[in-house]
């Protein structure tokens, strides 16, 4: 499709206006844990882990921007100052102790400055605190099943609902958790490898058949992109009421998914 200069200018002006609006508002408004139109940042954090991930991401972005601009400035200075026209008689200097020490020491200090918060964040992600609630998420083709072993032997499936919003993220049965509680999530796969990921929580872990992985929060198949994970956070009283209803609604027969879960744990 060909655009005239006027049409191209109008589109560029529209993009510029959109960029100014986004810069003024920070990002397009959307509910927590959902993508937003023209979103250019990470999703708003809902957990301490995601808050630390967002901080580390922004820190690295500023750092690499400063390094890139510094290197670009050096390249421009070299091109202008040391070309054949400006410098017809080149210097024959072969060593400079100060520069050699600087270009060795400064990168080391930068890497140490990155490593310290990186290891701290990694420890925060992998060191699972004492959990108030445990949920087992089993990936299947192409949906999730959730079990609450601490609250009774019941399990239910969560499938993508075509008639619910947001599109491709709505499900028929949501994972329900109480507010202000440490939730441990154990993941496994019933068939192929799936990925349990909730961007606003800062968690992403593989659900592998025969293995029980775990994460916490305060890939091989055509429909992996259509296995949405919906989490509804409620008060302690609402959660207790939901558990009693779920025990009746999703009552499981002995020897179903719990047998496979036990095998995965071994």
C-alpha atoms as a PDB file:
ATOM      1  CA  UNK A   1       0.000   0.000   0.000  1.00  0.00           C
ATOM      2  CA  UNK A   2       1.449   3.358  -1.052  1.00  0.00           C
ATOM      3  CA  UNK A   3       1.035   6.457   1.090  1.00  0.00           C
ATOM      4  CA  UNK A   4       1.226  10.044  -0.081  1.00  0.00           C
ATOM      5  CA  UNK A   5       3.440  12.472   1.797  1.00  0.00           C
ATOM      6  CA  UNK A   6       0.358  13.988   3.420  1.00  0.00           C
ATOM      7  CA  UNK A   7      -0.963  10.615   4.581  1.00  0.00           C
ATOM      8  CA  UNK A   8       2.464   9.577   5.857  1.00  0.00           C
ATOM      9  CA  UNK A   9       2.838  12.860   7.710  1.00  0.00           C
ATOM     10  CA  UNK A  10      -0.592  12.470   9.280  1.00  0.00           C
ATOM     11  CA  UNK A  11       0.239   8.960  10.466  1.00  0.00           C
ATOM     12  CA  UNK A  12       3.578  10.053  11.879  1.00  0.00           C
ATOM     13  CA  UNK A  13       1.850  12.948  13.639  1.00  0.00           C
ATOM     14  CA  UNK A  14      -0.688  10.516  15.065  1.00  0.00           C
ATOM     15  CA  UNK A  15       2.085   8.258  16.344  1.00  0.00           C
ATOM     16  CA  UNK A  16       3.852  11.235  17.875  1.00  0.00           C
ATOM     17  CA  UNK A  17       0.670  12.378  19.624  1.00  0.00           C
ATOM     18  CA  UNK A  18       0.112   8.835  20.875  1.00  0.00           C
ATOM     19  CA  UNK A  19       3.669   8.716  22.222  1.00  0.00           C
ATOM     20  CA  UNK A  20       3.195  12.025  24.040  1.00  0.00           C
ATOM     21  CA  UNK A  21      -0.061  10.779  25.543  1.00  0.00           C
ATOM     22  CA  UNK A  22       1.598   7.578  26.719  1.00  0.00           C
ATOM     23  CA  UNK A  23       4.502   9.484  28.195  1.00  0.00           C
ATOM     24  CA  UNK A  24       2.094  11.708  30.067  1.00  0.00           C
ATOM     25  CA  UNK A  25      -0.039   8.873  31.407  1.00  0.00           C
ATOM     26  CA  UNK A  26       2.790   6.339  31.909  1.00  0.00           C
ATOM     27  CA  UNK A  27       0.861   3.609  30.097  1.00  0.00           C
ATOM     28  CA  UNK A  28      -2.612   2.900  28.855  1.00  0.00           C
ATOM     29  CA  UNK A  29      -4.943   2.019  31.675  1.00  0.00           C
ATOM     30  CA  UNK A  30      -5.880  -1.618  32.096  1.00  0.00           C
ATOM     31  CA  UNK A  31      -6.819  -3.955  34.878  1.00  0.00           C
ATOM     32  CA  UNK A  32      -3.997  -5.562  36.807  1.00  0.00           C
ATOM     33  CA  UNK A  33      -2.496  -8.574  35.037  1.00  0.00           C
ATOM     34  CA  UNK A  34      -3.866  -7.693  31.606  1.00  0.00           C
ATOM     35  CA  UNK A  35      -2.149  -6.276  28.523  1.00  0.00           C
ATOM     36  CA  UNK A  36      -2.965  -2.715  27.506  1.00  0.00           C
ATOM     37  CA  UNK A  37      -3.046  -1.066  24.068  1.00  0.00           C
ATOM     38  CA  UNK A  38       0.250   0.621  23.225  1.00  0.00           C
ATOM     39  CA  UNK A  39       1.829  -0.749  26.366  1.00  0.00           C
ATOM     40  CA  UNK A  40       5.593  -0.256  26.328  1.00  0.00           C
ATOM     41  CA  UNK A  41       6.558  -1.251  29.867  1.00  0.00           C
ATOM     42  CA  UNK A  42       6.311  -4.384  31.974  1.00  0.00           C
ATOM     43  CA  UNK A  43       2.905  -5.138  33.424  1.00  0.00           C
ATOM     44  CA  UNK A  44       2.124  -3.502  36.744  1.00  0.00           C
ATOM     45  CA  UNK A  45       3.563  -5.569  39.580  1.00  0.00           C
ATOM     46  CA  UNK A  46       1.233  -7.470  41.897  1.00  0.00           C
ATOM     47  CA  UNK A  47       3.890  -9.167  44.052  1.00  0.00           C
ATOM     48  CA  UNK A  48       7.210  -8.216  45.695  1.00  0.00           C
ATOM     49  CA  UNK A  49       9.040 -10.476  43.230  1.00  0.00           C
ATOM     50  CA  UNK A  50       7.635  -8.612  40.238  1.00  0.00           C
ATOM     51  CA  UNK A  51       8.415  -5.268  41.859  1.00  0.00           C
ATOM     52  CA  UNK A  52      12.063  -6.311  42.124  1.00  0.00           C
ATOM     53  CA  UNK A  53      12.075  -7.600  38.529  1.00  0.00           C
ATOM     54  CA  UNK A  54      10.694  -4.268  37.320  1.00  0.00           C
ATOM     55  CA  UNK A  55      13.301  -2.317  39.294  1.00  0.00           C
ATOM     56  CA  UNK A  56      16.136  -4.490  37.972  1.00  0.00           C
ATOM     57  CA  UNK A  57      14.860  -4.149  34.397  1.00  0.00           C
ATOM     58  CA  UNK A  58      14.714  -0.354  34.671  1.00  0.00           C
ATOM     59  CA  UNK A  59      18.168  -0.250  36.298  1.00  0.00           C
ATOM     60  CA  UNK A  60      19.705  -2.280  33.447  1.00  0.00           C
ATOM     61  CA  UNK A  61      17.917  -0.165  30.848  1.00  0.00           C
ATOM     62  CA  UNK A  62      19.421   3.049  32.250  1.00  0.00           C
ATOM     63  CA  UNK A  63      22.853   1.455  32.617  1.00  0.00           C
ATOM     64  CA  UNK A  64      23.029   0.058  29.080  1.00  0.00           C
ATOM     65  CA  UNK A  65      21.716   3.350  27.669  1.00  0.00           C
ATOM     66  CA  UNK A  66      24.504   5.292  29.383  1.00  0.00           C
ATOM     67  CA  UNK A  67      27.120   2.767  28.169  1.00  0.00           C
ATOM     68  CA  UNK A  68      25.779   2.892  24.600  1.00  0.00           C
ATOM     69  CA  UNK A  69      25.806   6.692  24.500  1.00  0.00           C
ATOM     70  CA  UNK A  70      29.337   6.760  25.949  1.00  0.00           C
ATOM     71  CA  UNK A  71      30.645   4.318  23.329  1.00  0.00           C
ATOM     72  CA  UNK A  72      28.822   6.207  20.583  1.00  0.00           C
ATOM     73  CA  UNK A  73      30.436   9.442  21.764  1.00  0.00           C
ATOM     74  CA  UNK A  74      33.883   7.826  21.672  1.00  0.00           C
ATOM     75  CA  UNK A  75      33.306   6.534  18.147  1.00  0.00           C
ATOM     76  CA  UNK A  76      32.140   9.932  16.908  1.00  0.00           C
ATOM     77  CA  UNK A  77      35.130  11.626  18.566  1.00  0.00           C
ATOM     78  CA  UNK A  78      37.546   9.163  16.956  1.00  0.00           C
ATOM     79  CA  UNK A  79      35.974   9.602  13.512  1.00  0.00           C
ATOM     80  CA  UNK A  80      36.131  13.403  13.724  1.00  0.00           C
ATOM     81  CA  UNK A  81      39.455  13.879  15.488  1.00  0.00           C
ATOM     82  CA  UNK A  82      41.552  11.085  14.082  1.00  0.00           C
ATOM     83  CA  UNK A  83      40.622  10.900  10.416  1.00  0.00           C
ATOM     84  CA  UNK A  84      43.315  11.406   7.769  1.00  0.00           C
ATOM     85  CA  UNK A  85      42.279  14.982   7.007  1.00  0.00           C
ATOM     86  CA  UNK A  86      42.259  16.215  10.619  1.00  0.00           C
ATOM     87  CA  UNK A  87      45.258  14.191  11.709  1.00  0.00           C
ATOM     88  CA  UNK A  88      47.581  13.608   8.733  1.00  0.00           C
ATOM     89  CA  UNK A  89      50.446  12.482  10.958  1.00  0.00           C
ATOM     90  CA  UNK A  90      49.104   9.709  13.179  1.00  0.00           C
ATOM     91  CA  UNK A  91      50.413   9.077  16.678  1.00  0.00           C
ATOM     92  CA  UNK A  92      52.632   6.035  17.157  1.00  0.00           C
ATOM     93  CA  UNK A  93      51.622   5.506  20.785  1.00  0.00           C
ATOM     94  CA  UNK A  94      51.309   1.787  21.581  1.00  0.00           C
ATOM     95  CA  UNK A  95      50.576   1.752  25.316  1.00  0.00           C
ATOM     96  CA  UNK A  96      48.777   3.901  27.857  1.00  0.00           C
ATOM     97  CA  UNK A  97      48.768   2.432  31.343  1.00  0.00           C
ATOM     98  CA  UNK A  98      45.944   4.597  32.689  1.00  0.00           C
ATOM     99  CA  UNK A  99      43.596   3.773  29.812  1.00  0.00           C
ATOM    100  CA  UNK A 100      44.436   0.064  29.947  1.00  0.00           C
ATOM    101  CA  UNK A 101      43.723  -0.082  33.691  1.00  0.00           C
ATOM    102  CA  UNK A 102      40.515   1.910  33.239  1.00  0.00           C
ATOM    103  CA  UNK A 103      39.066  -0.231  30.441  1.00  0.00           C
ATOM    104  CA  UNK A 104      39.763  -3.340  32.527  1.00  0.00           C
ATOM    105  CA  UNK A 105      38.632  -2.097  35.942  1.00  0.00           C
ATOM    106  CA  UNK A 106      35.502  -0.160  34.946  1.00  0.00           C
ATOM    107  CA  UNK A 107      33.786  -3.113  33.174  1.00  0.00           C
ATOM    108  CA  UNK A 108      34.584  -5.324  36.181  1.00  0.00           C
ATOM    109  CA  UNK A 109      32.961  -2.811  38.534  1.00  0.00           C
ATOM    110  CA  UNK A 110      29.934  -2.573  36.224  1.00  0.00           C
ATOM    111  CA  UNK A 111      29.542  -6.363  36.197  1.00  0.00           C
ATOM    112  CA  UNK A 112      29.804  -6.501  39.985  1.00  0.00           C
ATOM    113  CA  UNK A 113      27.183  -3.763  40.220  1.00  0.00           C
ATOM    114  CA  UNK A 114      24.887  -5.894  38.035  1.00  0.00           C
ATOM    115  CA  UNK A 115      25.680  -9.186  39.782  1.00  0.00           C
ATOM    116  CA  UNK A 116      24.777  -8.081  43.314  1.00  0.00           C
ATOM    117  CA  UNK A 117      21.110  -7.170  42.666  1.00  0.00           C
ATOM    118  CA  UNK A 118      20.884 -10.023  40.141  1.00  0.00           C
ATOM    119  CA  UNK A 119      21.812 -12.677  42.718  1.00  0.00           C
ATOM    120  CA  UNK A 120      19.581 -11.006  45.301  1.00  0.00           C
ATOM    121  CA  UNK A 121      16.627 -11.205  42.894  1.00  0.00           C
ATOM    122  CA  UNK A 122      17.429 -14.809  41.981  1.00  0.00           C
ATOM    123  CA  UNK A 123      17.467 -15.757  45.668  1.00  0.00           C
ATOM    124  CA  UNK A 124      14.120 -14.003  46.193  1.00  0.00           C
ATOM    125  CA  UNK A 125      12.582 -15.974  43.326  1.00  0.00           C
ATOM    126  CA  UNK A 126      13.945 -19.399  44.275  1.00  0.00           C
ATOM    127  CA  UNK A 127      13.850 -19.265  48.082  1.00  0.00           C
ATOM    128  CA  UNK A 128      10.225 -20.179  48.760  1.00  0.00           C
ATOM    129  CA  UNK A 129       9.057 -18.899  52.163  1.00  0.00           C
ATOM    130  CA  UNK A 130       6.726 -20.800  54.477  1.00  0.00           C
ATOM    131  CA  UNK A 131       3.522 -21.117  52.502  1.00  0.00           C
ATOM    132  CA  UNK A 132       0.032 -20.358  53.785  1.00  0.00           C
ATOM    133  CA  UNK A 133      -1.520 -22.214  50.855  1.00  0.00           C
ATOM    134  CA  UNK A 134      -0.381 -24.818  48.312  1.00  0.00           C
ATOM    135  CA  UNK A 135      -1.888 -25.213  44.851  1.00  0.00           C
ATOM    136  CA  UNK A 136      -0.959 -27.920  42.350  1.00  0.00           C
ATOM    137  CA  UNK A 137      -1.284 -26.813  38.721  1.00  0.00           C
ATOM    138  CA  UNK A 138      -1.292 -29.587  36.129  1.00  0.00           C
ATOM    139  CA  UNK A 139      -0.824 -28.630  32.485  1.00  0.00           C
ATOM    140  CA  UNK A 140      -2.888 -30.628  29.994  1.00  0.00           C
ATOM    141  CA  UNK A 141      -3.708 -30.320  26.309  1.00  0.00           C
ATOM    142  CA  UNK A 142      -4.866 -27.519  26.294  1.00  0.00           C
ATOM    143  CA  UNK A 143      -5.976 -26.329  29.712  1.00  0.00           C
ATOM    144  CA  UNK A 144      -4.952 -26.237  33.371  1.00  0.00           C
ATOM    145  CA  UNK A 145      -6.193 -28.282  36.299  1.00  0.00           C
ATOM    146  CA  UNK A 146      -5.907 -26.955  39.848  1.00  0.00           C
ATOM    147  CA  UNK A 147      -5.874 -28.920  43.100  1.00  0.00           C
ATOM    148  CA  UNK A 148      -5.837 -27.566  46.660  1.00  0.00           C
ATOM    149  CA  UNK A 149      -4.221 -30.329  48.762  1.00  0.00           C
ATOM    150  CA  UNK A 150      -4.283 -28.192  51.935  1.00  0.00           C
ATOM    151  CA  UNK A 151      -8.017 -27.622  51.689  1.00  0.00           C
ATOM    152  CA  UNK A 152      -9.451 -31.003  50.805  1.00  0.00           C
ATOM    153  CA  UNK A 153      -9.175 -33.433  47.905  1.00  0.00           C
ATOM    154  CA  UNK A 154     -10.837 -31.577  45.106  1.00  0.00           C
ATOM    155  CA  UNK A 155      -9.578 -30.620  41.664  1.00  0.00           C
ATOM    156  CA  UNK A 156     -11.080 -28.658  38.805  1.00  0.00           C
ATOM    157  CA  UNK A 157     -10.238 -27.772  35.212  1.00  0.00           C
ATOM    158  CA  UNK A 158      -9.757 -24.242  33.924  1.00  0.00           C
ATOM    159  CA  UNK A 159     -10.386 -23.824  30.194  1.00  0.00           C
ATOM    160  CA  UNK A 160     -10.299 -20.746  28.038  1.00  0.00           C
ATOM    161  CA  UNK A 161     -13.789 -19.255  27.689  1.00  0.00           C
ATOM    162  CA  UNK A 162     -14.480 -17.861  24.228  1.00  0.00           C
ATOM    163  CA  UNK A 163     -17.331 -15.670  25.468  1.00  0.00           C
ATOM    164  CA  UNK A 164     -15.440 -13.956  28.308  1.00  0.00           C
ATOM    165  CA  UNK A 165     -13.287 -10.871  28.441  1.00  0.00           C
ATOM    166  CA  UNK A 166     -10.450 -10.130  28.174  1.00  0.00           C
ATOM    167  CA  UNK A 167     -10.198 -11.985  24.882  1.00  0.00           C
ATOM    168  CA  UNK A 168      -8.036 -15.129  25.018  1.00  0.00           C
ATOM    169  CA  UNK A 169      -7.485 -14.606  28.758  1.00  0.00           C
ATOM    170  CA  UNK A 170     -10.920 -15.356  30.220  1.00  0.00           C
ATOM    171  CA  UNK A 171     -11.516 -18.811  31.730  1.00  0.00           C
ATOM    172  CA  UNK A 172     -14.510 -20.739  32.973  1.00  0.00           C
ATOM    173  CA  UNK A 173     -13.022 -21.526  36.411  1.00  0.00           C
ATOM    174  CA  UNK A 174     -10.466 -19.194  37.985  1.00  0.00           C
ATOM    175  CA  UNK A 175      -7.758 -20.095  40.469  1.00  0.00           C
ATOM    176  CA  UNK A 176      -8.910 -18.497  43.725  1.00  0.00           C
ATOM    177  CA  UNK A 177      -6.411 -17.411  46.405  1.00  0.00           C
ATOM    178  CA  UNK A 178      -6.713 -15.379  49.628  1.00  0.00           C
ATOM    179  CA  UNK A 179      -5.189 -11.911  49.829  1.00  0.00           C
ATOM    180  CA  UNK A 180      -1.946 -11.235  51.736  1.00  0.00           C
ATOM    181  CA  UNK A 181      -0.978 -14.911  51.877  1.00  0.00           C
ATOM    182  CA  UNK A 182       2.097 -16.718  50.591  1.00  0.00           C
ATOM    183  CA  UNK A 183       0.898 -19.117  47.890  1.00  0.00           C
ATOM    184  CA  UNK A 184       3.119 -22.004  46.776  1.00  0.00           C
ATOM    185  CA  UNK A 185       2.367 -23.329  43.297  1.00  0.00           C
ATOM    186  CA  UNK A 186       3.499 -26.830  42.341  1.00  0.00           C
ATOM    187  CA  UNK A 187       3.472 -27.520  38.615  1.00  0.00           C
ATOM    188  CA  UNK A 188       3.569 -30.723  36.600  1.00  0.00           C
ATOM    189  CA  UNK A 189       2.459 -31.839  33.154  1.00  0.00           C
ATOM    190  CA  UNK A 190       0.065 -34.613  32.254  1.00  0.00           C
ATOM    191  CA  UNK A 191       1.164 -34.970  28.626  1.00  0.00           C
ATOM    192  CA  UNK A 192       3.701 -32.488  27.225  1.00  0.00           C
ATOM    193  CA  UNK A 193       5.768 -29.638  28.666  1.00  0.00           C
ATOM    194  CA  UNK A 194       3.684 -26.569  29.464  1.00  0.00           C
ATOM    195  CA  UNK A 195       4.690 -23.174  30.855  1.00  0.00           C
ATOM    196  CA  UNK A 196       2.964 -21.729  33.915  1.00  0.00           C
ATOM    197  CA  UNK A 197       3.445 -17.973  33.677  1.00  0.00           C
ATOM    198  CA  UNK A 198       1.746 -14.970  35.270  1.00  0.00           C
ATOM    199  CA  UNK A 199       3.617 -11.781  34.260  1.00  0.00           C
ATOM    200  CA  UNK A 200       2.099  -9.560  36.971  1.00  0.00           C
ATOM    201  CA  UNK A 201       3.306 -12.049  39.608  1.00  0.00           C
ATOM    202  CA  UNK A 202       6.793 -12.321  38.126  1.00  0.00           C
ATOM    203  CA  UNK A 203       6.599 -16.108  37.828  1.00  0.00           C
ATOM    204  CA  UNK A 204       7.278 -18.411  34.886  1.00  0.00           C
ATOM    205  CA  UNK A 205       8.059 -22.095  35.366  1.00  0.00           C
ATOM    206  CA  UNK A 206       7.801 -25.222  33.229  1.00  0.00           C
ATOM    207  CA  UNK A 207       5.233 -27.899  33.979  1.00  0.00           C
ATOM    208  CA  UNK A 208       7.064 -31.105  33.014  1.00  0.00           C
ATOM    209  CA  UNK A 209       5.514 -34.602  32.971  1.00  0.00           C
ATOM    210  CA  UNK A 210       6.990 -36.802  35.690  1.00  0.00           C
ATOM    211  CA  UNK A 211       8.499 -33.880  37.598  1.00  0.00           C
ATOM    212  CA  UNK A 212       7.117 -31.555  40.246  1.00  0.00           C
ATOM    213  CA  UNK A 213       8.438 -27.989  40.015  1.00  0.00           C
ATOM    214  CA  UNK A 214       7.395 -25.205  42.332  1.00  0.00           C
ATOM    215  CA  UNK A 215       7.298 -21.440  42.531  1.00  0.00           C
ATOM    216  CA  UNK A 216       5.530 -18.906  44.686  1.00  0.00           C
ATOM    217  CA  UNK A 217       3.862 -15.523  44.633  1.00  0.00           C
ATOM    218  CA  UNK A 218       2.445 -12.757  47.725  1.00  0.00           C
ATOM    219  CA  UNK A 219       5.928 -25.924  25.221  1.00  0.00           C
ATOM    220  CA  UNK A 220       5.510 -27.932  22.535  1.00  0.00           C
ATOM    221  CA  UNK A 221       2.102 -27.799  20.849  1.00  0.00           C
ATOM    222  CA  UNK A 222      -0.197 -25.684  18.716  1.00  0.00           C
ATOM    223  CA  UNK A 223      -2.448 -24.415  21.496  1.00  0.00           C
ATOM    224  CA  UNK A 224       0.058 -23.487  24.196  1.00  0.00           C
ATOM    225  CA  UNK A 225      -0.836 -19.857  23.552  1.00  0.00           C
ATOM    226  CA  UNK A 226      -4.463 -20.596  24.413  1.00  0.00           C
ATOM    227  CA  UNK A 227      -4.104 -21.836  27.999  1.00  0.00           C
ATOM    228  CA  UNK A 228      -4.821 -18.654  29.976  1.00  0.00           C
ATOM    229  CA  UNK A 229      -4.207 -18.506  33.728  1.00  0.00           C
ATOM    230  CA  UNK A 230      -6.704 -16.441  35.701  1.00  0.00           C
ATOM    231  CA  UNK A 231      -6.183 -15.780  39.413  1.00  0.00           C
ATOM    232  CA  UNK A 232      -8.872 -14.210  41.587  1.00  0.00           C
ATOM    233  CA  UNK A 233      -7.702 -12.756  44.899  1.00  0.00           C
ATOM    234  CA  UNK A 234     -10.299 -12.614  47.668  1.00  0.00           C
ATOM    235  CA  UNK A 235     -10.464 -12.068  51.411  1.00  0.00           C
ATOM    236  CA  UNK A 236      -9.900 -14.910  53.902  1.00  0.00           C
ATOM    237  CA  UNK A 237     -13.627 -15.222  54.577  1.00  0.00           C
ATOM    238  CA  UNK A 238     -14.498 -15.330  50.876  1.00  0.00           C
ATOM    239  CA  UNK A 239     -11.759 -17.890  50.266  1.00  0.00           C
ATOM    240  CA  UNK A 240     -13.046 -20.148  53.067  1.00  0.00           C
ATOM    241  CA  UNK A 241     -16.558 -19.966  51.593  1.00  0.00           C
ATOM    242  CA  UNK A 242     -15.222 -20.716  48.110  1.00  0.00           C
ATOM    243  CA  UNK A 243     -13.317 -23.764  49.403  1.00  0.00           C
ATOM    244  CA  UNK A 244     -16.487 -25.229  50.943  1.00  0.00           C
ATOM    245  CA  UNK A 245     -18.388 -24.687  47.694  1.00  0.00           C
ATOM    246  CA  UNK A 246     -15.499 -26.099  45.634  1.00  0.00           C
ATOM    247  CA  UNK A 247     -15.361 -29.252  47.743  1.00  0.00           C
ATOM    248  CA  UNK A 248     -18.955 -29.976  46.741  1.00  0.00           C
ATOM    249  CA  UNK A 249     -18.733 -28.739  43.159  1.00  0.00           C
ATOM    250  CA  UNK A 250     -15.395 -30.307  42.221  1.00  0.00           C
ATOM    251  CA  UNK A 251     -15.445 -33.359  44.496  1.00  0.00           C
ATOM    252  CA  UNK A 252     -13.041 -35.858  42.940  1.00  0.00           C
ATOM    253  CA  UNK A 253     -13.202 -39.606  43.017  1.00  0.00           C
ATOM    254  CA  UNK A 254     -10.336 -41.511  44.696  1.00  0.00           C
ATOM    255  CA  UNK A 255      -7.335 -42.329  42.575  1.00  0.00           C
ATOM    256  CA  UNK A 256      -7.686 -39.722  39.863  1.00  0.00           C
ATOM    257  CA  UNK A 257      -5.123 -36.948  39.410  1.00  0.00           C
ATOM    258  CA  UNK A 258      -3.640 -37.412  42.880  1.00  0.00           C
ATOM    259  CA  UNK A 259      -2.093 -40.708  41.872  1.00  0.00           C
ATOM    260  CA  UNK A 260      -0.269 -39.067  38.989  1.00  0.00           C
ATOM    261  CA  UNK A 261       0.779 -36.218  41.266  1.00  0.00           C
ATOM    262  CA  UNK A 262       2.266 -38.662  43.751  1.00  0.00           C
ATOM    263  CA  UNK A 263       4.191 -40.331  40.965  1.00  0.00           C
ATOM    264  CA  UNK A 264       5.503 -36.965  39.791  1.00  0.00           C
ATOM    265  CA  UNK A 265       6.651 -36.106  43.306  1.00  0.00           C
ATOM    266  CA  UNK A 266       8.716 -39.302  43.416  1.00  0.00           C
END
